Amino acid sequence: MGTTSAGLKPELSGIPADAPEADRMRALVETISAYIDYFHGGSVKMEAYDNGILTISMAGACNGCPLSAETLHGWVEGTVKQFFPDLKAVVAASTTA
């Protein structure tokens, strides 16, 4: 399942409705990332989902952008909560080594 800037619509038909929640969430985050890449040159990636906490890493134009918090909480968290209402929080992956 890749993201495409030209087509702007990742292929999601390979994810069955009864797939594990983490797999469905990863597919949704990949779809969000495709739009962020197309419109802003950045990307988001699901790193983990544990106990209702979704951990996201940001790359490209999102990495270090002063609006990355708005992207993370407004766009990513807001969208994911529409499909996964039990989501407790979306947090940024640690960037420290």
C-alpha atoms as a PDB file:
ATOM      1  CA  MET A   1       0.000   0.000   0.000  1.00  0.00           C
ATOM      2  CA  GLY A   2       1.924   3.008  -1.169  1.00  0.00           C
ATOM      3  CA  THR A   3       1.209   6.664  -1.211  1.00  0.00           C
ATOM      4  CA  THR A   4       1.025   8.461  -4.495  1.00  0.00           C
ATOM      5  CA  SER A   5       1.248  12.173  -5.042  1.00  0.00           C
ATOM      6  CA  ALA A   6      -0.128  11.977  -8.574  1.00  0.00           C
ATOM      7  CA  GLY A   7      -3.143   9.801  -7.766  1.00  0.00           C
ATOM      8  CA  LEU A   8      -3.647  11.206  -4.266  1.00  0.00           C
ATOM      9  CA  LYS A   9      -5.623   8.104  -3.308  1.00  0.00           C
ATOM     10  CA  PRO A  10      -3.749   5.211  -1.693  1.00  0.00           C
ATOM     11  CA  GLU A  11      -5.103   1.732  -2.278  1.00  0.00           C
ATOM     12  CA  LEU A  12      -6.927   0.630   0.881  1.00  0.00           C
ATOM     13  CA  SER A  13      -9.089  -2.189  -0.452  1.00  0.00           C
ATOM     14  CA  GLY A  14      -6.542  -4.724   0.829  1.00  0.00           C
ATOM     15  CA  ILE A  15      -7.418  -3.900   4.459  1.00  0.00           C
ATOM     16  CA  PRO A  16     -10.446  -5.945   5.537  1.00  0.00           C
ATOM     17  CA  ALA A  17     -12.958  -4.355   7.912  1.00  0.00           C
ATOM     18  CA  ASP A  18     -12.241  -7.086  10.463  1.00  0.00           C
ATOM     19  CA  ALA A  19      -8.447  -6.567  10.351  1.00  0.00           C
ATOM     20  CA  PRO A  20      -6.758  -5.859  13.687  1.00  0.00           C
ATOM     21  CA  GLU A  21      -7.347  -2.321  14.924  1.00  0.00           C
ATOM     22  CA  ALA A  22      -3.650  -1.405  14.640  1.00  0.00           C
ATOM     23  CA  ASP A  23      -3.606  -2.471  10.965  1.00  0.00           C
ATOM     24  CA  ARG A  24      -6.686  -0.405  10.159  1.00  0.00           C
ATOM     25  CA  MET A  25      -5.249   2.561  12.049  1.00  0.00           C
ATOM     26  CA  ARG A  26      -1.924   2.252  10.197  1.00  0.00           C
ATOM     27  CA  ALA A  27      -3.802   2.286   6.860  1.00  0.00           C
ATOM     28  CA  LEU A  28      -5.672   5.431   7.915  1.00  0.00           C
ATOM     29  CA  VAL A  29      -2.452   7.171   8.992  1.00  0.00           C
ATOM     30  CA  GLU A  30      -0.875   6.246   5.642  1.00  0.00           C
ATOM     31  CA  THR A  31      -3.850   7.822   3.881  1.00  0.00           C
ATOM     32  CA  ILE A  32      -3.506  11.001   5.957  1.00  0.00           C
ATOM     33  CA  SER A  33       0.220  11.020   5.201  1.00  0.00           C
ATOM     34  CA  ALA A  34      -0.468  10.849   1.457  1.00  0.00           C
ATOM     35  CA  TYR A  35      -2.513  14.044   1.672  1.00  0.00           C
ATOM     36  CA  ILE A  36       0.084  15.784   3.855  1.00  0.00           C
ATOM     37  CA  ASP A  37       2.786  14.787   1.364  1.00  0.00           C
ATOM     38  CA  TYR A  38       0.783  15.964  -1.632  1.00  0.00           C
ATOM     39  CA  PHE A  39      -0.276  19.314  -0.211  1.00  0.00           C
ATOM     40  CA  HIS A  40       2.582  20.193   2.158  1.00  0.00           C
ATOM     41  CA  GLY A  41       5.624  18.050   1.359  1.00  0.00           C
ATOM     42  CA  GLY A  42       5.636  16.386   4.769  1.00  0.00           C
ATOM     43  CA  SER A  43       4.633  13.018   6.102  1.00  0.00           C
ATOM     44  CA  VAL A  44       3.470  11.200   9.204  1.00  0.00           C
ATOM     45  CA  LYS A  45       4.106   7.603  10.166  1.00  0.00           C
ATOM     46  CA  MET A  46       2.494   5.423  12.796  1.00  0.00           C
ATOM     47  CA  GLU A  47       5.221   4.188  15.131  1.00  0.00           C
ATOM     48  CA  ALA A  48       3.080   2.480  17.767  1.00  0.00           C
ATOM     49  CA  TYR A  49      -0.424   2.071  19.131  1.00  0.00           C
ATOM     50  CA  ASP A  50      -0.614   0.932  22.731  1.00  0.00           C
ATOM     51  CA  ASN A  51      -3.325   1.331  25.380  1.00  0.00           C
ATOM     52  CA  GLY A  52      -5.183   3.914  23.321  1.00  0.00           C
ATOM     53  CA  ILE A  53      -2.097   6.052  22.647  1.00  0.00           C
ATOM     54  CA  LEU A  54      -1.055   6.526  19.016  1.00  0.00           C
ATOM     55  CA  THR A  55       2.598   7.487  18.527  1.00  0.00           C
ATOM     56  CA  ILE A  56       3.402   9.329  15.300  1.00  0.00           C
ATOM     57  CA  SER A  57       6.699  10.386  13.750  1.00  0.00           C
ATOM     58  CA  MET A  58       6.815  13.355  11.406  1.00  0.00           C
ATOM     59  CA  ALA A  59       9.177  13.806   8.468  1.00  0.00           C
ATOM     60  CA  GLY A  60       9.804  15.971   5.442  1.00  0.00           C
ATOM     61  CA  ALA A  61       8.382  19.473   5.718  1.00  0.00           C
ATOM     62  CA  CYS A  62       6.600  18.495   8.969  1.00  0.00           C
ATOM     63  CA  ASN A  63       9.878  17.830  10.769  1.00  0.00           C
ATOM     64  CA  GLY A  64      10.660  21.000  12.703  1.00  0.00           C
ATOM     65  CA  CYS A  65       7.746  22.953  11.224  1.00  0.00           C
ATOM     66  CA  PRO A  66       6.282  25.462  13.693  1.00  0.00           C
ATOM     67  CA  LEU A  67       2.802  24.163  12.781  1.00  0.00           C
ATOM     68  CA  SER A  68       3.639  20.488  13.375  1.00  0.00           C
ATOM     69  CA  ALA A  69       1.658  20.422  16.649  1.00  0.00           C
ATOM     70  CA  GLU A  70      -1.433  21.614  14.792  1.00  0.00           C
ATOM     71  CA  THR A  71      -0.864  18.971  12.130  1.00  0.00           C
ATOM     72  CA  LEU A  72      -0.398  16.267  14.770  1.00  0.00           C
ATOM     73  CA  HIS A  73      -3.372  17.164  16.948  1.00  0.00           C
ATOM     74  CA  GLY A  74      -5.695  18.977  14.576  1.00  0.00           C
ATOM     75  CA  TRP A  75      -5.327  16.934  11.433  1.00  0.00           C
ATOM     76  CA  VAL A  76      -4.008  13.521  12.480  1.00  0.00           C
ATOM     77  CA  GLU A  77      -5.663  13.170  15.897  1.00  0.00           C
ATOM     78  CA  GLY A  78      -8.906  14.771  14.752  1.00  0.00           C
ATOM     79  CA  THR A  79      -9.200  12.467  11.753  1.00  0.00           C
ATOM     80  CA  VAL A  80      -8.173   9.286  13.565  1.00  0.00           C
ATOM     81  CA  LYS A  81     -10.651   9.947  16.401  1.00  0.00           C
ATOM     82  CA  GLN A  82     -13.470  10.084  13.854  1.00  0.00           C
ATOM     83  CA  PHE A  83     -12.754   6.451  12.944  1.00  0.00           C
ATOM     84  CA  PHE A  84     -11.408   5.254  16.315  1.00  0.00           C
ATOM     85  CA  PRO A  85     -13.430   7.095  18.984  1.00  0.00           C
ATOM     86  CA  ASP A  86     -11.734   5.177  21.824  1.00  0.00           C
ATOM     87  CA  LEU A  87      -8.382   6.764  20.953  1.00  0.00           C
ATOM     88  CA  LYS A  88      -7.054   8.521  24.059  1.00  0.00           C
ATOM     89  CA  ALA A  89      -4.265  10.614  22.553  1.00  0.00           C
ATOM     90  CA  VAL A  90      -1.869  11.123  19.682  1.00  0.00           C
ATOM     91  CA  VAL A  91       1.720  11.890  20.672  1.00  0.00           C
ATOM     92  CA  ALA A  92       4.851  12.701  18.723  1.00  0.00           C
ATOM     93  CA  ALA A  93       7.593  10.097  18.713  1.00  0.00           C
ATOM     94  CA  SER A  94      10.675  11.170  20.607  1.00  0.00           C
ATOM     95  CA  THR A  95      13.284  12.718  18.349  1.00  0.00           C
ATOM     96  CA  THR A  96      16.113  12.268  20.818  1.00  0.00           C
ATOM     97  CA  ALA A  97      18.630   9.467  20.321  1.00  0.00           C
END
